[in-house]
């Protein structure tokens, strides 16, 4: 990827609503040149979409936790993501190396809801769990491209 494309991606990571005009000013390109580059980045799958960043506390889901799971019976098929896909409190599911098979990022309104969610996860996927509650988030979703 060209340096100018990396710069455009970096700017959009910081502000996905940045206008083509502002992107052009920041990169030294014309508005139409920026528009073409962004379109090509989207077509190539470098830019997969744009999303709103929300305040989960304001949405009534202030409690975030990471739940690692592993199957109770390792000889069973590895289909935990499919078995858990219907659970809306699960924000992300990561396949990982190590003792556990997956780590789930979840958000709920209070500790009792987390307890209920853990029971739902265990019964839906026949897994054991290990939970880490997030106390604070100094930063997340930081742009990794410079």
C-alpha atoms as a PDB file:
ATOM      1  CA  UNK A   1       0.000   0.000   0.000  1.00  0.00           C
ATOM      2  CA  UNK A   2       1.274   3.460  -0.874  1.00  0.00           C
ATOM      3  CA  UNK A   3       2.218   5.911   1.878  1.00  0.00           C
ATOM      4  CA  UNK A   4      -0.571   8.300   0.869  1.00  0.00           C
ATOM      5  CA  UNK A   5      -3.140   5.502   1.196  1.00  0.00           C
ATOM      6  CA  UNK A   6      -1.769   4.669   4.644  1.00  0.00           C
ATOM      7  CA  UNK A   7      -2.126   8.323   5.584  1.00  0.00           C
ATOM      8  CA  UNK A   8      -5.746   8.366   4.391  1.00  0.00           C
ATOM      9  CA  UNK A   9      -6.538   5.187   6.338  1.00  0.00           C
ATOM     10  CA  UNK A  10      -4.849   6.604   9.431  1.00  0.00           C
ATOM     11  CA  UNK A  11      -6.907   9.806   9.200  1.00  0.00           C
ATOM     12  CA  UNK A  12     -10.145   7.854   8.731  1.00  0.00           C
ATOM     13  CA  UNK A  13      -9.316   5.630  11.707  1.00  0.00           C
ATOM     14  CA  UNK A  14      -9.157   8.758  13.842  1.00  0.00           C
ATOM     15  CA  UNK A  15     -12.297  10.272  12.311  1.00  0.00           C
ATOM     16  CA  UNK A  16     -14.396   8.077  10.037  1.00  0.00           C
ATOM     17  CA  UNK A  17     -16.626  11.058   9.190  1.00  0.00           C
ATOM     18  CA  UNK A  18     -13.786  13.204   7.859  1.00  0.00           C
ATOM     19  CA  UNK A  19     -14.847  14.835   4.585  1.00  0.00           C
ATOM     20  CA  UNK A  20     -13.010  14.292   1.316  1.00  0.00           C
ATOM     21  CA  UNK A  21     -12.153  17.994   1.375  1.00  0.00           C
ATOM     22  CA  UNK A  22     -10.541  17.722   4.825  1.00  0.00           C
ATOM     23  CA  UNK A  23      -8.755  14.519   3.811  1.00  0.00           C
ATOM     24  CA  UNK A  24      -7.434  16.388   0.765  1.00  0.00           C
ATOM     25  CA  UNK A  25      -6.167  19.272   2.892  1.00  0.00           C
ATOM     26  CA  UNK A  26      -4.438  16.868   5.281  1.00  0.00           C
ATOM     27  CA  UNK A  27      -2.800  14.849   2.494  1.00  0.00           C
ATOM     28  CA  UNK A  28      -2.146  17.532  -0.109  1.00  0.00           C
ATOM     29  CA  UNK A  29      -4.442  15.856  -2.641  1.00  0.00           C
ATOM     30  CA  UNK A  30      -7.459  17.235  -4.455  1.00  0.00           C
ATOM     31  CA  UNK A  31     -10.901  16.306  -3.206  1.00  0.00           C
ATOM     32  CA  UNK A  32     -11.567  14.150  -6.278  1.00  0.00           C
ATOM     33  CA  UNK A  33      -8.204  12.352  -5.934  1.00  0.00           C
ATOM     34  CA  UNK A  34      -8.985  11.546  -2.289  1.00  0.00           C
ATOM     35  CA  UNK A  35     -12.461  10.348  -3.245  1.00  0.00           C
ATOM     36  CA  UNK A  36     -10.979   7.983  -5.856  1.00  0.00           C
ATOM     37  CA  UNK A  37      -8.393   6.629  -3.417  1.00  0.00           C
ATOM     38  CA  UNK A  38     -10.984   6.030  -0.684  1.00  0.00           C
ATOM     39  CA  UNK A  39     -13.250   4.274  -3.184  1.00  0.00           C
ATOM     40  CA  UNK A  40     -10.343   2.027  -4.285  1.00  0.00           C
ATOM     41  CA  UNK A  41      -9.469   1.279  -0.643  1.00  0.00           C
ATOM     42  CA  UNK A  42     -13.105   0.270  -0.078  1.00  0.00           C
ATOM     43  CA  UNK A  43     -13.168  -1.874  -3.240  1.00  0.00           C
ATOM     44  CA  UNK A  44      -9.941  -3.653  -2.195  1.00  0.00           C
ATOM     45  CA  UNK A  45     -11.410  -4.362   1.237  1.00  0.00           C
ATOM     46  CA  UNK A  46      -8.855  -2.253   3.102  1.00  0.00           C
ATOM     47  CA  UNK A  47     -11.720  -0.099   4.374  1.00  0.00           C
ATOM     48  CA  UNK A  48     -14.502  -2.498   5.308  1.00  0.00           C
ATOM     49  CA  UNK A  49     -17.016   0.013   6.611  1.00  0.00           C
ATOM     50  CA  UNK A  50     -17.721   2.895   8.933  1.00  0.00           C
ATOM     51  CA  UNK A  51     -19.224   2.652  12.402  1.00  0.00           C
ATOM     52  CA  UNK A  52     -20.538   4.836  15.180  1.00  0.00           C
ATOM     53  CA  UNK A  53     -18.591   4.905  18.426  1.00  0.00           C
ATOM     54  CA  UNK A  54     -21.121   4.761  21.240  1.00  0.00           C
ATOM     55  CA  UNK A  55     -21.070   5.331  24.988  1.00  0.00           C
ATOM     56  CA  UNK A  56     -22.037   1.944  26.406  1.00  0.00           C
ATOM     57  CA  UNK A  57     -22.690   3.441  29.806  1.00  0.00           C
ATOM     58  CA  UNK A  58     -25.302   5.749  28.271  1.00  0.00           C
ATOM     59  CA  UNK A  59     -26.809   2.693  26.555  1.00  0.00           C
ATOM     60  CA  UNK A  60     -27.185   0.942  29.911  1.00  0.00           C
ATOM     61  CA  UNK A  61     -24.296  -1.507  29.447  1.00  0.00           C
ATOM     62  CA  UNK A  62     -21.506  -0.105  31.636  1.00  0.00           C
ATOM     63  CA  UNK A  63     -20.055  -3.476  32.634  1.00  0.00           C
ATOM     64  CA  UNK A  64     -17.592  -5.017  30.176  1.00  0.00           C
ATOM     65  CA  UNK A  65     -15.910  -8.380  30.669  1.00  0.00           C
ATOM     66  CA  UNK A  66     -13.741 -10.832  28.804  1.00  0.00           C
ATOM     67  CA  UNK A  67     -14.810 -14.447  29.098  1.00  0.00           C
ATOM     68  CA  UNK A  68     -12.460 -17.181  27.972  1.00  0.00           C
ATOM     69  CA  UNK A  69     -14.099 -20.472  27.101  1.00  0.00           C
ATOM     70  CA  UNK A  70     -13.003 -24.027  26.435  1.00  0.00           C
ATOM     71  CA  UNK A  71     -15.109 -27.083  25.685  1.00  0.00           C
ATOM     72  CA  UNK A  72     -15.967 -29.399  28.546  1.00  0.00           C
ATOM     73  CA  UNK A  73     -15.527 -32.327  26.132  1.00  0.00           C
ATOM     74  CA  UNK A  74     -12.588 -31.558  23.787  1.00  0.00           C
ATOM     75  CA  UNK A  75     -13.623 -34.400  21.456  1.00  0.00           C
ATOM     76  CA  UNK A  76     -16.803 -32.527  20.483  1.00  0.00           C
ATOM     77  CA  UNK A  77     -16.864 -30.347  17.320  1.00  0.00           C
ATOM     78  CA  UNK A  78     -15.376 -26.859  17.661  1.00  0.00           C
ATOM     79  CA  UNK A  79     -18.629 -25.003  17.012  1.00  0.00           C
ATOM     80  CA  UNK A  80     -18.797 -22.641  19.996  1.00  0.00           C
ATOM     81  CA  UNK A  81     -19.001 -19.448  17.876  1.00  0.00           C
ATOM     82  CA  UNK A  82     -22.039 -20.839  16.037  1.00  0.00           C
ATOM     83  CA  UNK A  83     -23.682 -21.944  19.286  1.00  0.00           C
ATOM     84  CA  UNK A  84     -23.160 -18.491  20.831  1.00  0.00           C
ATOM     85  CA  UNK A  85     -23.996 -16.286  17.829  1.00  0.00           C
ATOM     86  CA  UNK A  86     -27.561 -15.663  19.075  1.00  0.00           C
ATOM     87  CA  UNK A  87     -26.391 -14.106  22.356  1.00  0.00           C
ATOM     88  CA  UNK A  88     -26.568 -10.355  21.787  1.00  0.00           C
ATOM     89  CA  UNK A  89     -24.468  -9.413  24.833  1.00  0.00           C
ATOM     90  CA  UNK A  90     -21.408 -10.912  23.093  1.00  0.00           C
ATOM     91  CA  UNK A  91     -19.743  -8.056  21.237  1.00  0.00           C
ATOM     92  CA  UNK A  92     -16.794 -10.037  19.852  1.00  0.00           C
ATOM     93  CA  UNK A  93     -15.503 -13.604  19.704  1.00  0.00           C
ATOM     94  CA  UNK A  94     -11.766 -14.173  19.240  1.00  0.00           C
ATOM     95  CA  UNK A  95     -10.193 -17.554  18.443  1.00  0.00           C
ATOM     96  CA  UNK A  96      -7.007 -17.740  20.523  1.00  0.00           C
ATOM     97  CA  UNK A  97      -3.997 -19.933  21.137  1.00  0.00           C
ATOM     98  CA  UNK A  98      -3.455 -21.161  24.661  1.00  0.00           C
ATOM     99  CA  UNK A  99      -5.437 -23.047  27.247  1.00  0.00           C
ATOM    100  CA  UNK A 100      -8.791 -21.644  26.165  1.00  0.00           C
ATOM    101  CA  UNK A 101     -10.208 -21.806  22.645  1.00  0.00           C
ATOM    102  CA  UNK A 102     -12.007 -18.457  22.470  1.00  0.00           C
ATOM    103  CA  UNK A 103     -12.214 -15.145  24.290  1.00  0.00           C
ATOM    104  CA  UNK A 104     -15.551 -13.347  24.282  1.00  0.00           C
ATOM    105  CA  UNK A 105     -15.923  -9.609  24.806  1.00  0.00           C
ATOM    106  CA  UNK A 106     -19.266  -8.973  26.486  1.00  0.00           C
ATOM    107  CA  UNK A 107     -21.233  -5.985  27.769  1.00  0.00           C
ATOM    108  CA  UNK A 108     -24.042  -6.081  30.313  1.00  0.00           C
ATOM    109  CA  UNK A 109     -25.873  -3.702  32.633  1.00  0.00           C
ATOM    110  CA  UNK A 110     -24.839  -5.107  36.045  1.00  0.00           C
ATOM    111  CA  UNK A 111     -23.056  -8.014  37.800  1.00  0.00           C
ATOM    112  CA  UNK A 112     -26.195 -10.151  38.121  1.00  0.00           C
ATOM    113  CA  UNK A 113     -26.676  -9.890  34.348  1.00  0.00           C
ATOM    114  CA  UNK A 114     -23.092 -11.111  33.889  1.00  0.00           C
ATOM    115  CA  UNK A 115     -23.846 -14.081  36.117  1.00  0.00           C
ATOM    116  CA  UNK A 116     -26.941 -14.901  34.027  1.00  0.00           C
ATOM    117  CA  UNK A 117     -24.931 -14.476  30.814  1.00  0.00           C
ATOM    118  CA  UNK A 118     -22.265 -16.885  32.035  1.00  0.00           C
ATOM    119  CA  UNK A 119     -24.924 -19.522  32.689  1.00  0.00           C
ATOM    120  CA  UNK A 120     -26.370 -18.953  29.199  1.00  0.00           C
ATOM    121  CA  UNK A 121     -22.929 -19.270  27.582  1.00  0.00           C
ATOM    122  CA  UNK A 122     -22.092 -22.457  29.496  1.00  0.00           C
ATOM    123  CA  UNK A 123     -25.365 -24.155  28.629  1.00  0.00           C
ATOM    124  CA  UNK A 124     -25.489 -22.987  24.994  1.00  0.00           C
ATOM    125  CA  UNK A 125     -21.979 -24.112  24.065  1.00  0.00           C
ATOM    126  CA  UNK A 126     -21.204 -26.797  26.704  1.00  0.00           C
ATOM    127  CA  UNK A 127     -18.065 -24.927  27.791  1.00  0.00           C
ATOM    128  CA  UNK A 128     -16.252 -23.937  30.940  1.00  0.00           C
ATOM    129  CA  UNK A 129     -15.560 -20.236  31.461  1.00  0.00           C
ATOM    130  CA  UNK A 130     -13.029 -17.933  33.058  1.00  0.00           C
ATOM    131  CA  UNK A 131     -14.089 -14.312  33.474  1.00  0.00           C
ATOM    132  CA  UNK A 132     -12.201 -11.039  33.785  1.00  0.00           C
ATOM    133  CA  UNK A 133     -14.253  -7.911  34.518  1.00  0.00           C
ATOM    134  CA  UNK A 134     -12.939  -4.662  33.079  1.00  0.00           C
ATOM    135  CA  UNK A 135     -12.460  -1.966  35.720  1.00  0.00           C
ATOM    136  CA  UNK A 136     -11.546   0.839  33.330  1.00  0.00           C
ATOM    137  CA  UNK A 137     -10.420   1.347  29.752  1.00  0.00           C
ATOM    138  CA  UNK A 138      -7.546   3.834  29.474  1.00  0.00           C
ATOM    139  CA  UNK A 139      -7.729   3.439  25.663  1.00  0.00           C
ATOM    140  CA  UNK A 140      -9.104   1.131  22.983  1.00  0.00           C
ATOM    141  CA  UNK A 141      -9.587   1.066  19.202  1.00  0.00           C
ATOM    142  CA  UNK A 142      -6.384   3.040  18.763  1.00  0.00           C
ATOM    143  CA  UNK A 143      -5.229   3.433  15.166  1.00  0.00           C
ATOM    144  CA  UNK A 144      -2.276   1.101  14.616  1.00  0.00           C
ATOM    145  CA  UNK A 145      -1.291   2.471  11.245  1.00  0.00           C
ATOM    146  CA  UNK A 146       1.004   5.476  11.080  1.00  0.00           C
END
